[in-house]
Amino acid sequence: MEFNDLPKTWKACPLGDFIKLQCGYAFKSADYHDKGWPIVRISNLENETVNVIESPRIDFYRLDEFRAFILHTGDVLIALSGATTGKLGVVPHTCQNWLLNQRVARFIVQDSANVDQRFVYWAAKLIQKKILDTAYGGAQPNISPNDIEAMILPFPPLAEQRRIVTRIEELTRRIEEARKLRQEAAAEAERYIPAALSSIFEDEQKAGWIIQKVKRICAPPQYGYTEPARQEAVGPKLLRITDIQDGKVDWETVPYCRCNATEKYRLKSADILFARTGATTGKSFLVVDPPEAVFASYLIRLRVGPSILPEFLYWFFQSATYWAAVSSGIEEGNRPNMNGTKLANLDIPYPEDKSEQRRIVEYLNRLQSKSEELKRLQAETEAELATFTPALLAKAFRGEL
């Protein structure tokens, strides 16, 4: 990272001119005590802060032995090795005689007349990726405090540092507030459809709906085709359980198979598929405009008769009423199971009036669209935040904020 054309009062110099990294003490398991002062390890750095709930401790009476490694509120820490190499944490105000472990280092301001402690944190955030680029050791990466101290950083006058930090914190707080609002909206969206399904399939059953078993309103459930999947286009696509993710299929990634019974297993719009084994047992998928494709043996297909809309039946299969039926008779802790017989004997509540079925489908589709839009906006906010902070820091440390 180059720092050209800095303001005249700024100075670009090695981090070590103002700040030193102190590595922690090599505590051993023999030092641990069931009560006492917590030891901060790399695993205690969480979400840019420090959490010592699960930390080992040393006896209260041994504190004087390790006084040089006592942490203070506002200390900036960095993990020096392992899977969390480069992770940062700021010691919170709840700190009381926490002790620094060997695989963690803290940034110690050598010249408090020229460097603000909060500025150190944002400086570390700025060079975090560059720090990771210096890591060595392969599967268990390590970073050297000397390499970090040698990195060049711009240092404005103390008053300017404080102004920059205040501005950074103000802007990041705003984006975090936007992020929180989007998260709350996305969480609310997650509740829309379950609540609507509950209202429709539990409450409205009592308003003149009829109840029929699946075998009365659908063709007999059909198991899929058994054949190895192939990447080369040797026949139709072979849709498997694993190709159905979040209620969607990326047909471009679905493999092919050789099939001498394509007509028997060919997928068509309005087919409803069910996973009959594995972690997604009981989950369903409504087929819409498929390519030339058949379905694999761990799926079950339903074809709907004329008395009920396929889309309406599919929505029922998303409801808590359906899942309660799938799970009935299963001991706690076991997974639900699905087979053709069980599927055929499920009770389906529905209004005889097709226009009423269609109204319900359109209502649920609108809710789903709204939910998906809120999720999309949340994902965009996350992506914006991921790029916002690095861009903000780069601008701040060029003297442009």
Protein backbone atom coordinates (compact mmCIF):
# COMPACT_ATOMS: atom_id res chain seq x y z
CA MET A 1 0.00 0.00 0.00
CA GLU A 2 1.50 3.29 -1.14
CA PHE A 3 1.05 6.54 0.73
CA ASN A 4 1.95 9.28 -1.72
CA ASP A 5 1.00 12.96 -1.59
CA LEU A 6 0.18 12.89 2.11
CA PRO A 7 -0.65 16.17 3.86
CA LYS A 8 2.52 18.03 4.86
CA THR A 9 1.99 17.49 8.58
CA TRP A 10 1.75 13.72 8.17
CA LYS A 11 4.65 11.30 8.47
CA ALA A 12 4.93 7.91 6.73
CA CYS A 13 7.17 5.65 8.78
CA PRO A 14 7.47 2.09 10.09
CA LEU A 15 4.83 1.17 12.63
CA GLY A 16 7.65 0.28 15.02
CA ASP A 17 8.70 3.93 15.26
CA PHE A 18 5.71 4.57 17.50
CA ILE A 19 4.29 1.16 18.39
CA LYS A 20 5.80 -2.12 19.59
CA LEU A 21 4.21 -5.54 19.65
CA GLN A 22 4.43 -7.47 22.90
CA CYS A 23 3.97 -11.23 22.76
CA GLY A 24 2.25 -12.96 25.65
CA TYR A 25 3.60 -15.34 28.26
CA ALA A 26 3.99 -19.06 27.50
CA PHE A 27 1.45 -20.31 30.02
CA LYS A 28 1.35 -24.08 30.48
CA SER A 29 -1.55 -26.28 31.52
CA ALA A 30 0.19 -26.68 34.89
CA ASP A 31 -0.38 -22.94 35.45
CA TYR A 32 -4.14 -23.27 35.02
CA HIS A 33 -6.42 -22.94 38.03
CA ASP A 34 -10.16 -23.49 38.44
CA LYS A 35 -10.52 -19.92 39.76
CA GLY A 36 -8.47 -16.82 39.21
CA TRP A 37 -7.49 -14.32 36.51
CA PRO A 38 -8.35 -15.27 32.89
CA ILE A 39 -5.70 -15.96 30.26
CA VAL A 40 -6.44 -14.50 26.83
CA ARG A 41 -5.66 -16.96 24.04
CA ILE A 42 -6.20 -16.73 20.28
CA SER A 43 -9.57 -18.47 20.69
CA ASN A 44 -10.75 -15.60 22.92
CA LEU A 45 -10.59 -13.06 20.07
CA GLU A 46 -14.17 -12.84 18.82
CA ASN A 47 -15.86 -10.29 16.56
CA GLU A 48 -13.20 -7.64 17.07
CA THR A 49 -13.44 -7.92 20.86
CA VAL A 50 -12.20 -10.33 23.58
CA ASN A 51 -14.39 -12.90 25.35
CA VAL A 52 -12.92 -14.73 28.34
CA ILE A 53 -15.95 -16.82 29.35
CA GLU A 54 -14.26 -20.06 28.24
CA SER A 55 -10.74 -18.96 29.15
CA PRO A 56 -8.38 -20.89 31.43
CA ARG A 57 -7.21 -19.06 34.56
CA ILE A 58 -4.28 -18.68 36.90
CA ASP A 59 -4.47 -18.51 40.68
CA PHE A 60 -5.24 -15.04 42.11
CA TYR A 61 -2.10 -15.21 44.25
CA ARG A 62 0.25 -15.64 41.27
CA LEU A 63 -0.60 -12.34 39.60
CA ASP A 64 2.67 -10.64 40.55
CA GLU A 65 4.62 -13.26 38.55
CA PHE A 66 2.91 -12.16 35.35
CA ARG A 67 2.37 -8.45 35.97
CA ALA A 68 4.11 -7.51 32.70
CA PHE A 69 1.40 -9.36 30.79
CA ILE A 70 -1.68 -7.77 32.39
CA LEU A 71 -4.02 -6.34 29.75
CA HIS A 72 -5.83 -3.01 29.95
CA THR A 73 -9.07 -1.68 28.53
CA GLY A 74 -8.56 -0.56 24.92
CA ASP A 75 -5.51 -2.74 24.23
CA VAL A 76 -5.46 -3.92 20.62
CA LEU A 77 -4.61 -7.61 20.26
CA ILE A 78 -3.71 -9.75 17.25
CA ALA A 79 -3.56 -13.53 16.86
CA LEU A 80 -0.06 -14.58 15.75
CA SER A 81 -0.66 -18.18 14.64
CA GLY A 82 -3.12 -20.92 13.81
CA ALA A 83 -6.43 -20.78 12.00
CA THR A 84 -7.23 -17.35 13.44
CA THR A 85 -3.92 -15.75 12.40
CA GLY A 86 -4.36 -12.01 11.93
CA LYS A 87 -7.64 -11.79 13.85
CA LEU A 88 -7.92 -8.61 15.91
CA GLY A 89 -9.58 -7.91 19.23
CA VAL A 90 -9.97 -4.87 21.44
CA VAL A 91 -9.95 -5.45 25.21
CA PRO A 92 -13.33 -4.28 26.61
CA HIS A 93 -13.98 -2.16 29.68
CA THR A 94 -14.91 -5.30 31.65
CA CYS A 95 -11.24 -6.29 31.70
CA GLN A 96 -9.78 -6.84 35.17
CA ASN A 97 -6.31 -8.37 35.38
CA TRP A 98 -6.64 -10.40 32.19
CA LEU A 99 -3.35 -11.96 31.11
CA LEU A 100 -1.81 -12.19 27.63
CA ASN A 101 -0.96 -15.65 26.29
CA GLN A 102 2.04 -16.39 24.04
CA ARG A 103 0.27 -16.76 20.65
CA VAL A 104 -1.35 -13.34 21.02
CA ALA A 105 0.41 -9.98 20.80
CA ARG A 106 -0.70 -6.52 21.80
CA PHE A 107 0.12 -3.20 20.18
CA ILE A 108 1.83 -1.02 22.79
CA VAL A 109 1.95 2.72 22.10
CA GLN A 110 5.50 3.90 22.82
CA ASP A 111 4.75 7.59 22.39
CA SER A 112 1.30 8.52 23.70
CA ALA A 113 2.03 12.19 23.01
CA ASN A 114 1.95 11.41 19.27
CA VAL A 115 -0.29 8.33 18.91
CA ASP A 116 -3.90 7.80 20.01
CA GLN A 117 -4.73 4.26 21.19
CA ARG A 118 -7.93 4.12 19.11
CA PHE A 119 -5.93 5.12 16.02
CA VAL A 120 -3.82 1.99 16.54
CA TYR A 121 -6.86 -0.24 16.11
CA TRP A 122 -7.87 1.33 12.80
CA ALA A 123 -4.26 1.25 11.62
CA ALA A 124 -4.19 -2.47 12.38
CA LYS A 125 -7.46 -2.92 10.46
CA LEU A 126 -5.94 -1.08 7.52
CA ILE A 127 -2.92 -3.40 7.28
CA GLN A 128 -4.69 -6.58 8.39
CA LYS A 129 -4.67 -8.12 4.90
CA LYS A 130 -1.04 -7.09 4.38
CA ILE A 131 -0.20 -8.73 7.71
CA LEU A 132 -1.84 -11.97 6.57
CA ASP A 133 0.18 -11.82 3.35
CA THR A 134 3.38 -12.08 5.42
CA ALA A 135 2.23 -15.28 7.16
CA TYR A 136 4.46 -18.33 6.89
CA GLY A 137 4.13 -21.98 7.92
CA GLY A 138 1.50 -23.48 5.58
CA ALA A 139 -1.35 -25.28 7.37
CA GLN A 140 -0.50 -23.57 10.67
CA PRO A 141 0.37 -20.02 9.56
CA ASN A 142 2.37 -17.69 11.76
CA ILE A 143 3.09 -13.99 11.59
CA SER A 144 6.13 -12.19 12.94
CA PRO A 145 5.79 -9.14 15.20
CA ASN A 146 8.97 -7.80 13.58
CA ASP A 147 7.33 -7.95 10.13
CA ILE A 148 4.34 -6.03 11.44
CA GLU A 149 6.51 -3.36 13.08
CA ALA A 150 8.39 -2.90 9.78
CA MET A 151 5.23 -2.01 7.85
CA ILE A 152 4.99 1.59 6.69
CA LEU A 153 2.01 3.62 7.90
CA PRO A 154 1.08 7.31 7.73
CA PHE A 155 0.88 9.06 11.09
CA PRO A 156 -0.91 12.43 11.19
CA PRO A 157 -0.61 14.75 14.20
CA LEU A 158 -2.41 13.56 17.33
CA ALA A 159 -5.36 15.94 16.97
CA GLU A 160 -5.86 14.79 13.38
CA GLN A 161 -5.70 11.15 14.45
CA ARG A 162 -8.50 11.77 16.93
CA ARG A 163 -10.60 13.59 14.33
CA ILE A 164 -10.11 10.73 11.83
CA VAL A 165 -11.01 8.09 14.41
CA THR A 166 -14.18 9.98 15.38
CA ARG A 167 -15.17 10.25 11.71
CA ILE A 168 -14.44 6.58 11.00
CA GLU A 169 -16.44 5.46 14.00
CA GLU A 170 -19.34 7.70 13.05
CA LEU A 171 -19.50 6.34 9.50
CA THR A 172 -19.05 2.70 10.50
CA ARG A 173 -21.75 3.13 13.14
CA ARG A 174 -24.16 4.32 10.46
CA ILE A 175 -23.46 1.37 8.19
CA GLU A 176 -23.80 -1.00 11.16
CA GLU A 177 -27.18 0.54 11.97
CA ALA A 178 -28.26 -0.02 8.36
CA ARG A 179 -26.96 -3.55 8.58
CA LYS A 180 -28.92 -4.20 11.76
CA LEU A 181 -32.13 -2.83 10.25
CA ARG A 182 -31.71 -5.06 7.20
CA GLN A 183 -31.00 -8.05 9.43
CA GLU A 184 -34.16 -7.35 11.40
CA ALA A 185 -36.15 -7.00 8.18
CA ALA A 186 -34.72 -10.26 6.84
CA ALA A 187 -35.50 -12.03 10.13
CA GLU A 188 -39.04 -10.67 9.97
CA ALA A 189 -39.31 -11.91 6.39
CA GLU A 190 -38.33 -15.39 7.56
CA ARG A 191 -41.42 -15.36 9.78
CA TYR A 192 -43.86 -14.22 7.08
CA ILE A 193 -44.39 -17.52 5.32
CA PRO A 194 -44.50 -19.88 8.36
CA ALA A 195 -47.06 -17.57 9.98
CA ALA A 196 -49.14 -17.41 6.80
CA LEU A 197 -48.97 -21.18 6.30
CA SER A 198 -50.07 -21.73 9.88
CA SER A 199 -53.01 -19.41 9.41
CA ILE A 200 -54.06 -21.05 6.15
CA PHE A 201 -53.58 -24.73 6.81
CA GLU A 202 -54.48 -24.82 10.48
CA ASP A 203 -57.17 -22.17 10.91
CA GLU A 204 -58.91 -22.26 7.54
CA GLN A 205 -59.35 -26.02 7.61
CA LYS A 206 -62.33 -25.31 9.85
CA ALA A 207 -63.98 -23.08 7.27
CA GLY A 208 -65.58 -25.64 5.01
CA TRP A 209 -62.47 -27.27 3.49
CA ILE A 210 -62.40 -30.95 2.67
CA ILE A 211 -59.68 -33.39 3.65
CA GLN A 212 -58.46 -36.08 1.28
CA LYS A 213 -55.51 -38.44 1.35
CA VAL A 214 -52.76 -37.88 -1.20
CA LYS A 215 -53.61 -41.16 -2.93
CA ARG A 216 -57.11 -39.83 -3.66
CA ILE A 217 -55.97 -36.63 -5.37
CA CYS A 218 -52.63 -37.70 -6.92
CA ALA A 219 -51.23 -40.52 -9.01
CA PRO A 220 -49.39 -43.16 -6.95
CA PRO A 221 -46.01 -41.92 -5.65
CA GLN A 222 -43.13 -43.00 -7.90
CA TYR A 223 -39.53 -43.71 -6.92
CA GLY A 224 -36.74 -42.36 -9.12
CA TYR A 225 -34.26 -43.94 -11.51
CA THR A 226 -31.11 -45.75 -10.36
CA GLU A 227 -28.07 -44.98 -12.50
CA PRO A 228 -24.63 -43.40 -11.88
CA ALA A 229 -24.38 -39.69 -12.66
CA ARG A 230 -21.99 -38.60 -15.42
CA GLN A 231 -20.54 -35.25 -16.31
CA GLU A 232 -20.60 -35.92 -20.06
CA ALA A 233 -23.92 -35.48 -21.89
CA VAL A 234 -24.66 -39.18 -22.46
CA GLY A 235 -28.41 -38.82 -21.93
CA PRO A 236 -30.93 -36.78 -19.92
CA LYS A 237 -30.04 -34.77 -16.84
CA LEU A 238 -30.22 -36.77 -13.60
CA LEU A 239 -31.72 -34.65 -10.81
CA ARG A 240 -30.51 -35.75 -7.36
CA ILE A 241 -31.36 -34.65 -3.82
CA THR A 242 -28.12 -32.68 -3.60
CA ASP A 243 -29.02 -30.66 -6.71
CA ILE A 244 -31.98 -29.12 -4.87
CA GLN A 245 -30.72 -26.29 -2.70
CA ASP A 246 -32.98 -23.77 -0.91
CA GLY A 247 -35.92 -24.81 -3.07
CA LYS A 248 -34.04 -24.16 -6.30
CA VAL A 249 -32.11 -26.13 -8.92
CA ASP A 250 -29.22 -24.83 -11.00
CA TRP A 251 -29.83 -27.02 -14.04
CA GLU A 252 -26.46 -26.06 -15.53
CA THR A 253 -24.69 -28.01 -12.78
CA VAL A 254 -26.96 -31.07 -12.80
CA PRO A 255 -25.10 -34.10 -14.24
CA TYR A 256 -26.33 -36.55 -16.89
CA CYS A 257 -27.03 -40.27 -17.00
CA ARG A 258 -27.66 -43.10 -19.40
CA CYS A 259 -31.36 -43.93 -19.30
CA ASN A 260 -33.31 -46.60 -21.20
CA ALA A 261 -36.62 -45.55 -19.60
CA THR A 262 -36.65 -41.80 -20.13
CA GLU A 263 -40.39 -41.54 -20.67
CA LYS A 264 -41.14 -43.33 -17.41
CA TYR A 265 -38.95 -41.01 -15.32
CA ARG A 266 -39.06 -37.81 -17.39
CA LEU A 267 -39.66 -34.68 -15.31
CA LYS A 268 -42.45 -32.30 -16.30
CA SER A 269 -43.69 -28.97 -14.99
CA ALA A 270 -45.96 -29.39 -11.94
CA ASP A 271 -44.21 -32.57 -10.76
CA ILE A 272 -43.56 -32.45 -7.01
CA LEU A 273 -40.44 -34.23 -5.79
CA PHE A 274 -39.64 -35.36 -2.24
CA ALA A 275 -36.36 -36.30 -0.61
CA ARG A 276 -36.84 -39.72 0.98
CA THR A 277 -33.50 -40.03 2.75
CA GLY A 278 -30.61 -37.99 4.13
CA ALA A 279 -30.54 -34.68 5.98
CA THR A 280 -33.32 -33.16 3.83
CA THR A 281 -35.78 -36.06 4.17
CA GLY A 282 -39.33 -34.87 3.50
CA LYS A 283 -38.36 -31.64 1.74
CA SER A 284 -40.18 -31.01 -1.51
CA PHE A 285 -39.50 -29.29 -4.82
CA LEU A 286 -42.00 -28.09 -7.42
CA VAL A 287 -40.66 -28.65 -10.93
CA VAL A 288 -41.08 -25.73 -13.34
CA ASP A 289 -39.93 -25.79 -16.99
CA PRO A 290 -37.25 -28.47 -16.60
CA PRO A 291 -34.82 -29.42 -19.37
CA GLU A 292 -34.67 -33.03 -20.61
CA ALA A 293 -34.26 -34.67 -17.21
CA VAL A 294 -35.14 -37.68 -15.07
CA PHE A 295 -35.09 -37.94 -11.27
CA ALA A 296 -32.80 -40.10 -9.16
CA SER A 297 -33.76 -43.01 -6.94
CA TYR A 298 -33.61 -41.19 -3.61
CA LEU A 299 -36.42 -38.91 -4.75
CA ILE A 300 -40.16 -39.62 -4.86
CA ARG A 301 -42.42 -38.00 -7.46
CA LEU A 302 -46.05 -36.96 -7.11
CA ARG A 303 -48.25 -36.03 -10.04
CA VAL A 304 -51.32 -34.09 -9.03
CA GLY A 305 -54.85 -34.91 -10.18
CA PRO A 306 -57.47 -32.43 -11.45
CA SER A 307 -59.05 -31.58 -8.10
CA ILE A 308 -56.14 -29.57 -6.68
CA LEU A 309 -53.57 -27.10 -8.01
CA PRO A 310 -49.98 -28.43 -7.89
CA GLU A 311 -48.82 -25.06 -6.51
CA PHE A 312 -51.38 -25.26 -3.70
CA LEU A 313 -50.31 -28.77 -2.78
CA TYR A 314 -46.64 -27.72 -2.87
CA TRP A 315 -47.37 -24.91 -0.39
CA PHE A 316 -49.07 -27.40 1.92
CA PHE A 317 -45.86 -29.42 1.89
CA GLN A 318 -44.05 -26.38 3.34
CA SER A 319 -46.40 -26.09 6.32
CA ALA A 320 -45.93 -27.13 9.93
CA THR A 321 -49.02 -29.32 9.53
CA TYR A 322 -47.23 -31.36 6.87
CA TRP A 323 -44.02 -31.62 8.90
CA ALA A 324 -45.93 -32.73 11.97
CA ALA A 325 -47.44 -35.54 9.89
CA VAL A 326 -44.01 -36.51 8.51
CA SER A 327 -42.57 -36.64 12.02
CA SER A 328 -45.48 -38.47 13.62
CA GLY A 329 -44.50 -41.73 15.26
CA ILE A 330 -40.79 -40.85 15.20
CA GLU A 331 -38.90 -41.05 18.48
CA GLU A 332 -37.31 -37.82 19.65
CA GLY A 333 -33.82 -37.32 18.23
CA ASN A 334 -34.45 -39.47 15.16
CA ARG A 335 -34.88 -38.03 11.68
CA PRO A 336 -38.26 -38.07 9.94
CA ASN A 337 -38.64 -40.68 7.22
CA MET A 338 -40.46 -40.55 3.91
CA ASN A 339 -41.63 -43.35 1.63
CA GLY A 340 -44.32 -43.81 -0.96
CA THR A 341 -46.81 -45.42 1.40
CA LYS A 342 -46.49 -42.71 4.03
CA LEU A 343 -46.74 -39.98 1.39
CA ALA A 344 -49.82 -41.58 -0.20
CA ASN A 345 -51.63 -41.68 3.15
CA LEU A 346 -51.03 -38.08 4.21
CA ASP A 347 -54.20 -36.03 4.79
CA ILE A 348 -54.46 -32.90 2.63
CA PRO A 349 -56.88 -30.10 3.62
CA TYR A 350 -58.00 -27.90 0.73
CA PRO A 351 -60.94 -25.85 -0.57
CA GLU A 352 -62.82 -27.46 -3.42
CA ASP A 353 -63.06 -24.13 -5.21
CA LYS A 354 -60.06 -23.87 -7.55
CA SER A 355 -60.32 -20.07 -7.58
CA GLU A 356 -59.88 -20.09 -3.79
CA GLN A 357 -56.85 -22.36 -4.13
CA ARG A 358 -55.44 -19.95 -6.72
CA ARG A 359 -56.03 -16.95 -4.47
CA ILE A 360 -54.09 -18.63 -1.67
CA VAL A 361 -51.24 -19.59 -4.01
CA GLU A 362 -50.96 -16.02 -5.32
CA TYR A 363 -50.96 -14.64 -1.77
CA LEU A 364 -48.19 -17.01 -0.67
CA ASN A 365 -46.19 -16.33 -3.83
CA ARG A 366 -46.34 -12.59 -3.11
CA LEU A 367 -45.12 -13.18 0.43
CA GLN A 368 -42.28 -15.32 -0.87
CA SER A 369 -41.26 -12.63 -3.37
CA LYS A 370 -41.26 -10.02 -0.61
CA SER A 371 -39.21 -12.30 1.63
CA GLU A 372 -36.68 -13.01 -1.11
CA GLU A 373 -36.36 -9.31 -1.92
CA LEU A 374 -35.62 -8.49 1.72
CA LYS A 375 -33.03 -11.27 1.83
CA ARG A 376 -31.45 -9.91 -1.36
CA LEU A 377 -31.24 -6.42 0.15
CA GLN A 378 -29.67 -7.89 3.30
CA ALA A 379 -27.06 -9.70 1.20
CA GLU A 380 -26.33 -6.46 -0.67
CA THR A 381 -25.88 -4.64 2.64
CA GLU A 382 -23.43 -7.29 3.82
CA ALA A 383 -21.49 -6.96 0.56
CA GLU A 384 -21.49 -3.17 0.83
CA LEU A 385 -20.20 -3.34 4.40
CA ALA A 386 -17.44 -5.73 3.36
CA THR A 387 -16.14 -3.19 0.83
CA PHE A 388 -17.09 -0.02 2.72
CA THR A 389 -14.71 -0.33 5.67
CA PRO A 390 -11.54 -1.08 3.64
CA ALA A 391 -12.36 1.77 1.24
CA LEU A 392 -13.07 4.12 4.15
CA LEU A 393 -9.77 3.24 5.85
CA ALA A 394 -7.77 3.65 2.66
CA LYS A 395 -9.29 7.10 2.20
CA ALA A 396 -8.73 8.03 5.85
CA PHE A 397 -5.06 7.04 5.81
CA ARG A 398 -4.44 9.03 2.65
CA GLY A 399 -5.64 12.15 4.45
CA GLU A 400 -8.83 12.37 2.37
CA LEU A 401 -11.44 11.89 5.08
